[in-house]
């Protein structure tokens, strides 16, 4: 995908800080923070999908830039070289100094762009929780890279794949503001996290929350789907005014209602998995409830995994 085409697909959203929050930040000598969400479309990972939803056979990733007067923190990267070069251009255009990249979880489409950003921003620190940092190393073995990612995205994945450093503690700071790491446990993968920015009531949720796109359920089972529901309760308890999904339809807003929408999707999948006898039946009944969500390949793959013998 050429960069100019990619940027046509990108969605950029700016949420202004509320006056009261800005005054509180000024009173504590902390900069008032703002954020931008950039999204880019790409092909999904599961491409052998039953006919009928071809126009929705895509997925979008999001990357969130949180910034103050001078510096910025980026949450998650894009997947391919071209996509991440466009992301870097957007960061440069913001006029902010990128100090830190935080990775929410160890799926390649959220961190494979790290090396591209490190080349553009040599002083940036890439960090994750110790468990996520360790799992990132497991995702970049030659076997996994060549059998999955480079096969699905030929000549598009960076030659050099960087990983994040294990961060001490569970907080980042940005111009006097605290950014809290929240360990969520299993969501669409084990040891997931989100980043909570209390000063602007923001949660950057990684793949704990999906916005208009079928969730990735391949790594879940009956027990861990319940753990995912508990993770959503943790996000609700933070009482955010905005929630950024790791995968969202470009242009969709970041209303916290997407947490409950994700919760309902999981409950429906659990219920219909018990009520159906085949992957195709589960897939079609879920599609009947969610006909307009993007990336039906993710649902098809999840249905096949759920119905596979233990």
C-alpha atoms as a PDB file:
ATOM      1  CA  UNK A   1       0.000   0.000   0.000  1.00  0.00           C
ATOM      2  CA  UNK A   2       1.493   3.371  -0.997  1.00  0.00           C
ATOM      3  CA  UNK A   3       1.788   5.995   1.682  1.00  0.00           C
ATOM      4  CA  UNK A   4      -0.557   8.448   0.003  1.00  0.00           C
ATOM      5  CA  UNK A   5      -3.188   5.728  -0.249  1.00  0.00           C
ATOM      6  CA  UNK A   6      -2.646   4.745   3.351  1.00  0.00           C
ATOM      7  CA  UNK A   7      -3.089   8.290   4.574  1.00  0.00           C
ATOM      8  CA  UNK A   8      -6.378   8.551   2.702  1.00  0.00           C
ATOM      9  CA  UNK A   9      -7.533   5.697   4.875  1.00  0.00           C
ATOM     10  CA  UNK A  10      -6.272   7.223   8.084  1.00  0.00           C
ATOM     11  CA  UNK A  11      -8.689   8.798  10.503  1.00  0.00           C
ATOM     12  CA  UNK A  12      -7.455  11.540  12.802  1.00  0.00           C
ATOM     13  CA  UNK A  13      -9.490  12.533  15.834  1.00  0.00           C
ATOM     14  CA  UNK A  14      -8.698  15.306  18.287  1.00  0.00           C
ATOM     15  CA  UNK A  15     -10.362  15.542  21.680  1.00  0.00           C
ATOM     16  CA  UNK A  16      -9.908  18.941  23.351  1.00  0.00           C
ATOM     17  CA  UNK A  17      -9.278  19.001  27.048  1.00  0.00           C
ATOM     18  CA  UNK A  18     -12.242  20.279  29.018  1.00  0.00           C
ATOM     19  CA  UNK A  19     -11.678  23.711  30.610  1.00  0.00           C
ATOM     20  CA  UNK A  20     -12.003  22.389  34.138  1.00  0.00           C
ATOM     21  CA  UNK A  21      -9.401  19.740  33.509  1.00  0.00           C
ATOM     22  CA  UNK A  22      -7.098  22.272  31.909  1.00  0.00           C
ATOM     23  CA  UNK A  23      -7.372  24.552  34.948  1.00  0.00           C
ATOM     24  CA  UNK A  24      -6.659  21.648  37.293  1.00  0.00           C
ATOM     25  CA  UNK A  25      -3.587  20.710  35.265  1.00  0.00           C
ATOM     26  CA  UNK A  26      -2.339  24.295  35.290  1.00  0.00           C
ATOM     27  CA  UNK A  27      -2.854  24.548  39.035  1.00  0.00           C
ATOM     28  CA  UNK A  28      -0.590  21.520  39.541  1.00  0.00           C
ATOM     29  CA  UNK A  29       1.963  22.870  37.052  1.00  0.00           C
ATOM     30  CA  UNK A  30       1.226  20.014  34.678  1.00  0.00           C
ATOM     31  CA  UNK A  31       0.528  20.582  31.013  1.00  0.00           C
ATOM     32  CA  UNK A  32      -2.992  20.013  29.780  1.00  0.00           C
ATOM     33  CA  UNK A  33      -2.931  16.899  27.630  1.00  0.00           C
ATOM     34  CA  UNK A  34      -4.671  16.159  24.362  1.00  0.00           C
ATOM     35  CA  UNK A  35      -4.682  13.128  22.085  1.00  0.00           C
ATOM     36  CA  UNK A  36      -4.972  12.134  18.460  1.00  0.00           C
ATOM     37  CA  UNK A  37      -6.059   8.748  17.144  1.00  0.00           C
ATOM     38  CA  UNK A  38      -4.720   7.577  13.805  1.00  0.00           C
ATOM     39  CA  UNK A  39      -6.253   4.568  12.087  1.00  0.00           C
ATOM     40  CA  UNK A  40      -5.262   2.654   8.982  1.00  0.00           C
ATOM     41  CA  UNK A  41      -6.972  -0.155   7.096  1.00  0.00           C
ATOM     42  CA  UNK A  42      -5.240  -3.388   6.122  1.00  0.00           C
ATOM     43  CA  UNK A  43      -6.236  -6.920   5.058  1.00  0.00           C
ATOM     44  CA  UNK A  44      -7.319  -9.232   7.845  1.00  0.00           C
ATOM     45  CA  UNK A  45      -5.365 -12.300   8.878  1.00  0.00           C
ATOM     46  CA  UNK A  46      -8.078 -14.856   8.023  1.00  0.00           C
ATOM     47  CA  UNK A  47      -8.841 -14.704   4.324  1.00  0.00           C
ATOM     48  CA  UNK A  48     -10.535 -18.017   3.510  1.00  0.00           C
ATOM     49  CA  UNK A  49     -13.966 -16.769   4.542  1.00  0.00           C
ATOM     50  CA  UNK A  50     -17.432 -17.933   3.440  1.00  0.00           C
ATOM     51  CA  UNK A  51     -18.850 -15.689   0.703  1.00  0.00           C
ATOM     52  CA  UNK A  52     -21.230 -12.848   1.366  1.00  0.00           C
ATOM     53  CA  UNK A  53     -19.276 -10.181   3.259  1.00  0.00           C
ATOM     54  CA  UNK A  54     -16.504  -9.380   0.813  1.00  0.00           C
ATOM     55  CA  UNK A  55     -16.912  -5.623   1.229  1.00  0.00           C
ATOM     56  CA  UNK A  56     -16.093  -5.974   4.937  1.00  0.00           C
ATOM     57  CA  UNK A  57     -12.997  -8.149   4.543  1.00  0.00           C
ATOM     58  CA  UNK A  58     -10.604  -5.658   6.105  1.00  0.00           C
ATOM     59  CA  UNK A  59      -9.503  -4.547   9.546  1.00  0.00           C
ATOM     60  CA  UNK A  60      -8.172  -1.258  10.898  1.00  0.00           C
ATOM     61  CA  UNK A  61      -5.495  -0.644  13.507  1.00  0.00           C
ATOM     62  CA  UNK A  62      -5.313   2.399  15.737  1.00  0.00           C
ATOM     63  CA  UNK A  63      -2.327   4.221  17.196  1.00  0.00           C
ATOM     64  CA  UNK A  64      -2.831   6.970  19.779  1.00  0.00           C
ATOM     65  CA  UNK A  65      -0.628  10.035  20.269  1.00  0.00           C
ATOM     66  CA  UNK A  66      -1.009  11.618  23.711  1.00  0.00           C
ATOM     67  CA  UNK A  67       0.709  14.982  23.954  1.00  0.00           C
ATOM     68  CA  UNK A  68       1.292  18.105  25.994  1.00  0.00           C
ATOM     69  CA  UNK A  69       2.913  21.391  25.062  1.00  0.00           C
ATOM     70  CA  UNK A  70       6.225  19.875  23.952  1.00  0.00           C
ATOM     71  CA  UNK A  71       6.339  16.083  24.290  1.00  0.00           C
ATOM     72  CA  UNK A  72       4.256  13.104  23.287  1.00  0.00           C
ATOM     73  CA  UNK A  73       3.710   9.442  24.138  1.00  0.00           C
ATOM     74  CA  UNK A  74       2.573   7.019  21.432  1.00  0.00           C
ATOM     75  CA  UNK A  75       0.499   3.951  22.266  1.00  0.00           C
ATOM     76  CA  UNK A  76       1.057   1.042  19.849  1.00  0.00           C
ATOM     77  CA  UNK A  77       2.384   1.160  16.282  1.00  0.00           C
ATOM     78  CA  UNK A  78       1.142   0.044  12.890  1.00  0.00           C
ATOM     79  CA  UNK A  79       2.094  -3.196  11.164  1.00  0.00           C
ATOM     80  CA  UNK A  80       3.803  -2.472   7.857  1.00  0.00           C
ATOM     81  CA  UNK A  81       6.677  -0.264   6.777  1.00  0.00           C
ATOM     82  CA  UNK A  82       4.491   2.051   4.689  1.00  0.00           C
ATOM     83  CA  UNK A  83       1.846   2.383   7.370  1.00  0.00           C
ATOM     84  CA  UNK A  84       4.396   3.210  10.047  1.00  0.00           C
ATOM     85  CA  UNK A  85       6.212   5.699   7.834  1.00  0.00           C
ATOM     86  CA  UNK A  86       2.908   7.510   7.501  1.00  0.00           C
ATOM     87  CA  UNK A  87       2.485   7.339  11.269  1.00  0.00           C
ATOM     88  CA  UNK A  88       5.939   8.855  11.727  1.00  0.00           C
ATOM     89  CA  UNK A  89       5.045  11.661   9.316  1.00  0.00           C
ATOM     90  CA  UNK A  90       1.956  12.445  11.391  1.00  0.00           C
ATOM     91  CA  UNK A  91       4.030  12.579  14.578  1.00  0.00           C
ATOM     92  CA  UNK A  92       6.500  14.969  12.946  1.00  0.00           C
ATOM     93  CA  UNK A  93       3.610  17.115  11.734  1.00  0.00           C
ATOM     94  CA  UNK A  94       2.316  17.373  15.318  1.00  0.00           C
ATOM     95  CA  UNK A  95       5.414  19.364  16.248  1.00  0.00           C
ATOM     96  CA  UNK A  96       5.857  17.343  19.450  1.00  0.00           C
ATOM     97  CA  UNK A  97       8.933  15.455  20.615  1.00  0.00           C
ATOM     98  CA  UNK A  98       8.140  11.754  20.806  1.00  0.00           C
ATOM     99  CA  UNK A  99       9.622  10.598  24.118  1.00  0.00           C
ATOM    100  CA  UNK A 100       8.015   7.183  24.672  1.00  0.00           C
ATOM    101  CA  UNK A 101       6.217   4.423  22.786  1.00  0.00           C
ATOM    102  CA  UNK A 102       4.047   2.201  24.970  1.00  0.00           C
ATOM    103  CA  UNK A 103       2.974  -1.239  23.682  1.00  0.00           C
ATOM    104  CA  UNK A 104      -0.263  -2.594  25.142  1.00  0.00           C
ATOM    105  CA  UNK A 105       0.156  -6.268  24.224  1.00  0.00           C
ATOM    106  CA  UNK A 106       2.332  -8.648  22.229  1.00  0.00           C
ATOM    107  CA  UNK A 107       0.484  -8.980  18.923  1.00  0.00           C
ATOM    108  CA  UNK A 108       2.717  -8.127  15.987  1.00  0.00           C
ATOM    109  CA  UNK A 109       0.311  -5.706  14.352  1.00  0.00           C
ATOM    110  CA  UNK A 110       0.737  -3.457  17.402  1.00  0.00           C
ATOM    111  CA  UNK A 111       4.539  -3.377  17.589  1.00  0.00           C
ATOM    112  CA  UNK A 112       6.167  -4.446  14.309  1.00  0.00           C
ATOM    113  CA  UNK A 113       6.508  -0.781  13.340  1.00  0.00           C
ATOM    114  CA  UNK A 114       8.801  -0.020  16.280  1.00  0.00           C
ATOM    115  CA  UNK A 115      12.062  -0.167  14.322  1.00  0.00           C
ATOM    116  CA  UNK A 116      10.750   2.308  11.740  1.00  0.00           C
ATOM    117  CA  UNK A 117       9.827   4.776  14.477  1.00  0.00           C
ATOM    118  CA  UNK A 118      13.148   4.280  16.246  1.00  0.00           C
ATOM    119  CA  UNK A 119      14.948   5.179  13.027  1.00  0.00           C
ATOM    120  CA  UNK A 120      12.927   8.388  12.707  1.00  0.00           C
ATOM    121  CA  UNK A 121      13.077   9.231  16.433  1.00  0.00           C
ATOM    122  CA  UNK A 122      16.447   7.943  17.727  1.00  0.00           C
ATOM    123  CA  UNK A 123      15.905   9.136  21.298  1.00  0.00           C
ATOM    124  CA  UNK A 124      12.519   7.511  21.802  1.00  0.00           C
ATOM    125  CA  UNK A 125      12.067   4.827  24.480  1.00  0.00           C
ATOM    126  CA  UNK A 126       9.906   1.789  23.661  1.00  0.00           C
ATOM    127  CA  UNK A 127       8.449   0.192  26.796  1.00  0.00           C
ATOM    128  CA  UNK A 128       5.948  -2.442  27.885  1.00  0.00           C
ATOM    129  CA  UNK A 129       5.220  -4.404  31.019  1.00  0.00           C
ATOM    130  CA  UNK A 130       7.763  -7.173  31.720  1.00  0.00           C
ATOM    131  CA  UNK A 131       5.319  -9.890  30.672  1.00  0.00           C
ATOM    132  CA  UNK A 132       4.410  -8.138  27.422  1.00  0.00           C
ATOM    133  CA  UNK A 133       8.069  -7.428  26.653  1.00  0.00           C
ATOM    134  CA  UNK A 134       8.890 -11.117  27.122  1.00  0.00           C
ATOM    135  CA  UNK A 135       5.985 -12.218  24.926  1.00  0.00           C
ATOM    136  CA  UNK A 136       7.089  -9.846  22.169  1.00  0.00           C
ATOM    137  CA  UNK A 137      10.343 -11.803  21.924  1.00  0.00           C
ATOM    138  CA  UNK A 138       8.320 -14.990  21.448  1.00  0.00           C
ATOM    139  CA  UNK A 139       6.460 -13.404  18.525  1.00  0.00           C
ATOM    140  CA  UNK A 140       9.520 -12.564  16.436  1.00  0.00           C
ATOM    141  CA  UNK A 141      11.115 -15.970  16.023  1.00  0.00           C
ATOM    142  CA  UNK A 142      11.945 -16.731  12.361  1.00  0.00           C
ATOM    143  CA  UNK A 143       9.341 -19.496  12.368  1.00  0.00           C
ATOM    144  CA  UNK A 144       6.508 -17.206  13.453  1.00  0.00           C
ATOM    145  CA  UNK A 145       7.577 -14.317  11.265  1.00  0.00           C
ATOM    146  CA  UNK A 146       7.976 -16.394   8.118  1.00  0.00           C
ATOM    147  CA  UNK A 147       5.058 -18.766   8.554  1.00  0.00           C
ATOM    148  CA  UNK A 148       2.520 -16.055   9.348  1.00  0.00           C
ATOM    149  CA  UNK A 149       3.344 -12.399   9.072  1.00  0.00           C
ATOM    150  CA  UNK A 150       5.745 -12.334   6.130  1.00  0.00           C
ATOM    151  CA  UNK A 151       3.567 -14.842   4.313  1.00  0.00           C
ATOM    152  CA  UNK A 152       0.428 -12.742   4.757  1.00  0.00           C
ATOM    153  CA  UNK A 153       2.169  -9.406   4.154  1.00  0.00           C
ATOM    154  CA  UNK A 154       4.998 -10.167   1.706  1.00  0.00           C
ATOM    155  CA  UNK A 155       7.693  -7.482   1.475  1.00  0.00           C
ATOM    156  CA  UNK A 156       5.715  -5.243   3.836  1.00  0.00           C
ATOM    157  CA  UNK A 157       7.023  -6.190   7.297  1.00  0.00           C
ATOM    158  CA  UNK A 158      10.219  -4.439   8.456  1.00  0.00           C
ATOM    159  CA  UNK A 159      13.385  -6.492   7.989  1.00  0.00           C
ATOM    160  CA  UNK A 160      14.415  -5.614  11.534  1.00  0.00           C
ATOM    161  CA  UNK A 161      11.800  -6.174  14.237  1.00  0.00           C
ATOM    162  CA  UNK A 162      12.387  -4.306  17.488  1.00  0.00           C
ATOM    163  CA  UNK A 163      10.781  -5.093  20.818  1.00  0.00           C
ATOM    164  CA  UNK A 164      10.088  -2.954  23.856  1.00  0.00           C
ATOM    165  CA  UNK A 165      12.076  -2.829  27.065  1.00  0.00           C
ATOM    166  CA  UNK A 166      10.491  -4.021  30.289  1.00  0.00           C
ATOM    167  CA  UNK A 167       9.397  -0.953  32.224  1.00  0.00           C
ATOM    168  CA  UNK A 168       9.890  -0.627  35.987  1.00  0.00           C
ATOM    169  CA  UNK A 169       6.667   0.026  37.828  1.00  0.00           C
ATOM    170  CA  UNK A 170       3.310   0.759  36.252  1.00  0.00           C
ATOM    171  CA  UNK A 171       3.408   4.468  35.453  1.00  0.00           C
ATOM    172  CA  UNK A 172       4.637   6.806  32.756  1.00  0.00           C
ATOM    173  CA  UNK A 173       4.730  10.587  33.061  1.00  0.00           C
ATOM    174  CA  UNK A 174       4.132  13.216  30.431  1.00  0.00           C
ATOM    175  CA  UNK A 175       4.761  16.866  31.309  1.00  0.00           C
ATOM    176  CA  UNK A 176       3.699  16.383  34.910  1.00  0.00           C
ATOM    177  CA  UNK A 177       0.767  14.075  34.123  1.00  0.00           C
ATOM    178  CA  UNK A 178       0.632  10.466  35.262  1.00  0.00           C
ATOM    179  CA  UNK A 179      -0.246   7.753  32.737  1.00  0.00           C
ATOM    180  CA  UNK A 180      -1.190   4.537  34.532  1.00  0.00           C
ATOM    181  CA  UNK A 181      -0.626   1.069  33.135  1.00  0.00           C
ATOM    182  CA  UNK A 182      -3.533  -1.234  34.006  1.00  0.00           C
ATOM    183  CA  UNK A 183      -2.962  -4.977  33.795  1.00  0.00           C
ATOM    184  CA  UNK A 184      -6.065  -6.582  32.326  1.00  0.00           C
ATOM    185  CA  UNK A 185      -5.102 -10.253  32.089  1.00  0.00           C
ATOM    186  CA  UNK A 186      -6.570 -12.118  29.128  1.00  0.00           C
ATOM    187  CA  UNK A 187      -8.424 -10.136  26.480  1.00  0.00           C
ATOM    188  CA  UNK A 188      -7.733 -11.167  22.886  1.00  0.00           C
ATOM    189  CA  UNK A 189      -4.393 -12.475  24.179  1.00  0.00           C
ATOM    190  CA  UNK A 190      -2.815 -13.165  27.555  1.00  0.00           C
ATOM    191  CA  UNK A 191      -1.258 -10.441  29.712  1.00  0.00           C
ATOM    192  CA  UNK A 192      -2.989  -7.554  27.977  1.00  0.00           C
ATOM    193  CA  UNK A 193      -2.848  -4.017  29.335  1.00  0.00           C
ATOM    194  CA  UNK A 194      -4.423  -0.629  28.779  1.00  0.00           C
ATOM    195  CA  UNK A 195      -3.140   2.877  29.465  1.00  0.00           C
ATOM    196  CA  UNK A 196      -5.247   5.176  31.651  1.00  0.00           C
ATOM    197  CA  UNK A 197      -4.755   8.948  31.508  1.00  0.00           C
ATOM    198  CA  UNK A 198      -6.723  10.272  34.498  1.00  0.00           C
ATOM    199  CA  UNK A 199      -6.219  13.976  33.731  1.00  0.00           C
ATOM    200  CA  UNK A 200      -8.302  13.683  30.559  1.00  0.00           C
ATOM    201  CA  UNK A 201     -10.388  10.620  31.534  1.00  0.00           C
ATOM    202  CA  UNK A 202      -8.926   8.601  28.664  1.00  0.00           C
ATOM    203  CA  UNK A 203      -8.343   4.866  28.355  1.00  0.00           C
ATOM    204  CA  UNK A 204      -6.271   3.563  25.456  1.00  0.00           C
ATOM    205  CA  UNK A 205      -7.589   0.028  25.613  1.00  0.00           C
ATOM    206  CA  UNK A 206      -5.469  -1.926  23.148  1.00  0.00           C
ATOM    207  CA  UNK A 207      -7.326  -5.034  22.035  1.00  0.00           C
ATOM    208  CA  UNK A 208      -9.427  -5.305  25.180  1.00  0.00           C
ATOM    209  CA  UNK A 209     -12.083  -3.306  23.319  1.00  0.00           C
ATOM    210  CA  UNK A 210     -13.189  -3.410  19.678  1.00  0.00           C
ATOM    211  CA  UNK A 211     -15.083  -0.647  17.896  1.00  0.00           C
ATOM    212  CA  UNK A 212     -17.179  -1.808  14.936  1.00  0.00           C
ATOM    213  CA  UNK A 213     -14.852  -4.727  14.137  1.00  0.00           C
ATOM    214  CA  UNK A 214     -15.190  -8.417  14.976  1.00  0.00           C
ATOM    215  CA  UNK A 215     -12.970  -9.237  17.981  1.00  0.00           C
ATOM    216  CA  UNK A 216     -10.083 -11.683  17.654  1.00  0.00           C
ATOM    217  CA  UNK A 217     -11.149 -14.735  19.674  1.00  0.00           C
ATOM    218  CA  UNK A 218      -8.706 -17.339  18.373  1.00  0.00           C
ATOM    219  CA  UNK A 219      -6.654 -17.352  21.570  1.00  0.00           C
ATOM    220  CA  UNK A 220      -9.658 -17.580  23.881  1.00  0.00           C
ATOM    221  CA  UNK A 221     -11.496 -20.465  25.466  1.00  0.00           C
ATOM    222  CA  UNK A 222     -14.459 -20.776  27.828  1.00  0.00           C
ATOM    223  CA  UNK A 223     -12.442 -19.703  30.841  1.00  0.00           C
ATOM    224  CA  UNK A 224     -10.494 -16.861  29.252  1.00  0.00           C
ATOM    225  CA  UNK A 225     -13.588 -15.379  27.665  1.00  0.00           C
ATOM    226  CA  UNK A 226     -14.854 -14.894  31.200  1.00  0.00           C
ATOM    227  CA  UNK A 227     -11.527 -13.276  32.074  1.00  0.00           C
ATOM    228  CA  UNK A 228     -12.003 -10.905  29.139  1.00  0.00           C
ATOM    229  CA  UNK A 229     -15.383  -9.890  30.559  1.00  0.00           C
ATOM    230  CA  UNK A 230     -13.686  -9.183  33.887  1.00  0.00           C
ATOM    231  CA  UNK A 231     -11.098  -7.033  32.072  1.00  0.00           C
ATOM    232  CA  UNK A 232     -13.912  -4.921  30.637  1.00  0.00           C
ATOM    233  CA  UNK A 233     -15.218  -4.406  34.161  1.00  0.00           C
ATOM    234  CA  UNK A 234     -11.777  -3.041  35.120  1.00  0.00           C
ATOM    235  CA  UNK A 235     -11.982  -0.508  32.295  1.00  0.00           C
ATOM    236  CA  UNK A 236     -15.500   0.544  33.304  1.00  0.00           C
ATOM    237  CA  UNK A 237     -14.289   1.055  36.879  1.00  0.00           C
ATOM    238  CA  UNK A 238     -11.907   3.765  35.608  1.00  0.00           C
ATOM    239  CA  UNK A 239     -14.979   5.774  34.496  1.00  0.00           C
ATOM    240  CA  UNK A 240     -13.420   6.987  31.244  1.00  0.00           C
ATOM    241  CA  UNK A 241     -14.979   9.654  29.049  1.00  0.00           C
ATOM    242  CA  UNK A 242     -13.212   8.251  25.991  1.00  0.00           C
ATOM    243  CA  UNK A 243     -12.017   4.718  25.165  1.00  0.00           C
ATOM    244  CA  UNK A 244      -9.705   4.012  22.229  1.00  0.00           C
ATOM    245  CA  UNK A 245     -10.051   0.534  20.760  1.00  0.00           C
ATOM    246  CA  UNK A 246      -7.002  -1.157  19.291  1.00  0.00           C
ATOM    247  CA  UNK A 247      -9.124  -1.942  16.236  1.00  0.00           C
ATOM    248  CA  UNK A 248     -11.786   0.571  15.254  1.00  0.00           C
ATOM    249  CA  UNK A 249     -13.609   1.620  12.123  1.00  0.00           C
ATOM    250  CA  UNK A 250     -12.031   4.879  10.925  1.00  0.00           C
ATOM    251  CA  UNK A 251     -14.358   7.722  11.773  1.00  0.00           C
ATOM    252  CA  UNK A 252     -16.124   5.959  14.635  1.00  0.00           C
ATOM    253  CA  UNK A 253     -16.117   7.987  17.826  1.00  0.00           C
ATOM    254  CA  UNK A 254     -14.498   6.788  21.040  1.00  0.00           C
ATOM    255  CA  UNK A 255     -17.582   6.721  23.231  1.00  0.00           C
ATOM    256  CA  UNK A 256     -17.160   4.491  26.318  1.00  0.00           C
ATOM    257  CA  UNK A 257     -20.272   2.595  25.185  1.00  0.00           C
ATOM    258  CA  UNK A 258     -17.929   0.492  23.031  1.00  0.00           C
ATOM    259  CA  UNK A 259     -16.851  -1.265  26.229  1.00  0.00           C
ATOM    260  CA  UNK A 260     -20.388  -2.558  26.743  1.00  0.00           C
ATOM    261  CA  UNK A 261     -20.725  -3.326  23.035  1.00  0.00           C
ATOM    262  CA  UNK A 262     -17.641  -5.527  23.277  1.00  0.00           C
ATOM    263  CA  UNK A 263     -19.049  -7.131  26.424  1.00  0.00           C
ATOM    264  CA  UNK A 264     -22.326  -7.921  24.655  1.00  0.00           C
ATOM    265  CA  UNK A 265     -20.483  -9.392  21.673  1.00  0.00           C
ATOM    266  CA  UNK A 266     -18.554 -11.740  23.960  1.00  0.00           C
ATOM    267  CA  UNK A 267     -21.715 -12.779  25.789  1.00  0.00           C
ATOM    268  CA  UNK A 268     -23.443 -13.483  22.487  1.00  0.00           C
ATOM    269  CA  UNK A 269     -20.502 -15.556  21.293  1.00  0.00           C
ATOM    270  CA  UNK A 270     -20.496 -17.552  24.536  1.00  0.00           C
ATOM    271  CA  UNK A 271     -24.253 -18.132  24.325  1.00  0.00           C
ATOM    272  CA  UNK A 272     -24.312 -19.074  20.654  1.00  0.00           C
ATOM    273  CA  UNK A 273     -21.267 -21.291  20.954  1.00  0.00           C
ATOM    274  CA  UNK A 274     -23.245 -23.361  23.462  1.00  0.00           C
ATOM    275  CA  UNK A 275     -26.358 -23.325  21.269  1.00  0.00           C
ATOM    276  CA  UNK A 276     -24.761 -24.353  17.944  1.00  0.00           C
ATOM    277  CA  UNK A 277     -23.150 -27.538  16.721  1.00  0.00           C
ATOM    278  CA  UNK A 278     -20.832 -26.366  13.928  1.00  0.00           C
ATOM    279  CA  UNK A 279     -18.490 -23.539  13.102  1.00  0.00           C
ATOM    280  CA  UNK A 280     -20.633 -22.477  10.137  1.00  0.00           C
ATOM    281  CA  UNK A 281     -23.769 -22.342  12.278  1.00  0.00           C
ATOM    282  CA  UNK A 282     -22.001 -20.297  14.962  1.00  0.00           C
ATOM    283  CA  UNK A 283     -20.564 -17.973  12.332  1.00  0.00           C
ATOM    284  CA  UNK A 284     -23.898 -17.377  10.605  1.00  0.00           C
ATOM    285  CA  UNK A 285     -25.819 -16.771  13.832  1.00  0.00           C
ATOM    286  CA  UNK A 286     -23.237 -14.278  15.023  1.00  0.00           C
ATOM    287  CA  UNK A 287     -23.311 -12.553  11.623  1.00  0.00           C
ATOM    288  CA  UNK A 288     -27.074 -12.254  11.931  1.00  0.00           C
ATOM    289  CA  UNK A 289     -26.527 -10.257  15.131  1.00  0.00           C
ATOM    290  CA  UNK A 290     -23.529  -8.291  13.822  1.00  0.00           C
ATOM    291  CA  UNK A 291     -23.966  -7.955  10.051  1.00  0.00           C
ATOM    292  CA  UNK A 292     -22.064  -4.682   9.671  1.00  0.00           C
ATOM    293  CA  UNK A 293     -18.896  -5.321  11.660  1.00  0.00           C
ATOM    294  CA  UNK A 294     -15.698  -5.312   9.662  1.00  0.00           C
ATOM    295  CA  UNK A 295     -13.331  -8.293   9.381  1.00  0.00           C
ATOM    296  CA  UNK A 296     -15.715 -11.280   9.348  1.00  0.00           C
ATOM    297  CA  UNK A 297     -12.626 -13.428   8.806  1.00  0.00           C
ATOM    298  CA  UNK A 298     -11.845 -12.945  12.489  1.00  0.00           C
ATOM    299  CA  UNK A 299     -15.276 -14.321  13.406  1.00  0.00           C
ATOM    300  CA  UNK A 300     -14.912 -17.235  10.978  1.00  0.00           C
ATOM    301  CA  UNK A 301     -11.552 -18.159  12.462  1.00  0.00           C
ATOM    302  CA  UNK A 302     -12.911 -17.808  16.006  1.00  0.00           C
ATOM    303  CA  UNK A 303     -15.871 -20.042  15.203  1.00  0.00           C
ATOM    304  CA  UNK A 304     -13.601 -22.747  13.812  1.00  0.00           C
ATOM    305  CA  UNK A 305     -11.334 -22.540  16.851  1.00  0.00           C
ATOM    306  CA  UNK A 306     -14.282 -22.720  19.247  1.00  0.00           C
ATOM    307  CA  UNK A 307     -15.647 -25.816  17.531  1.00  0.00           C
ATOM    308  CA  UNK A 308     -12.319 -27.616  17.218  1.00  0.00           C
ATOM    309  CA  UNK A 309     -11.837 -30.689  19.457  1.00  0.00           C
ATOM    310  CA  UNK A 310     -10.109 -29.804  22.709  1.00  0.00           C
END
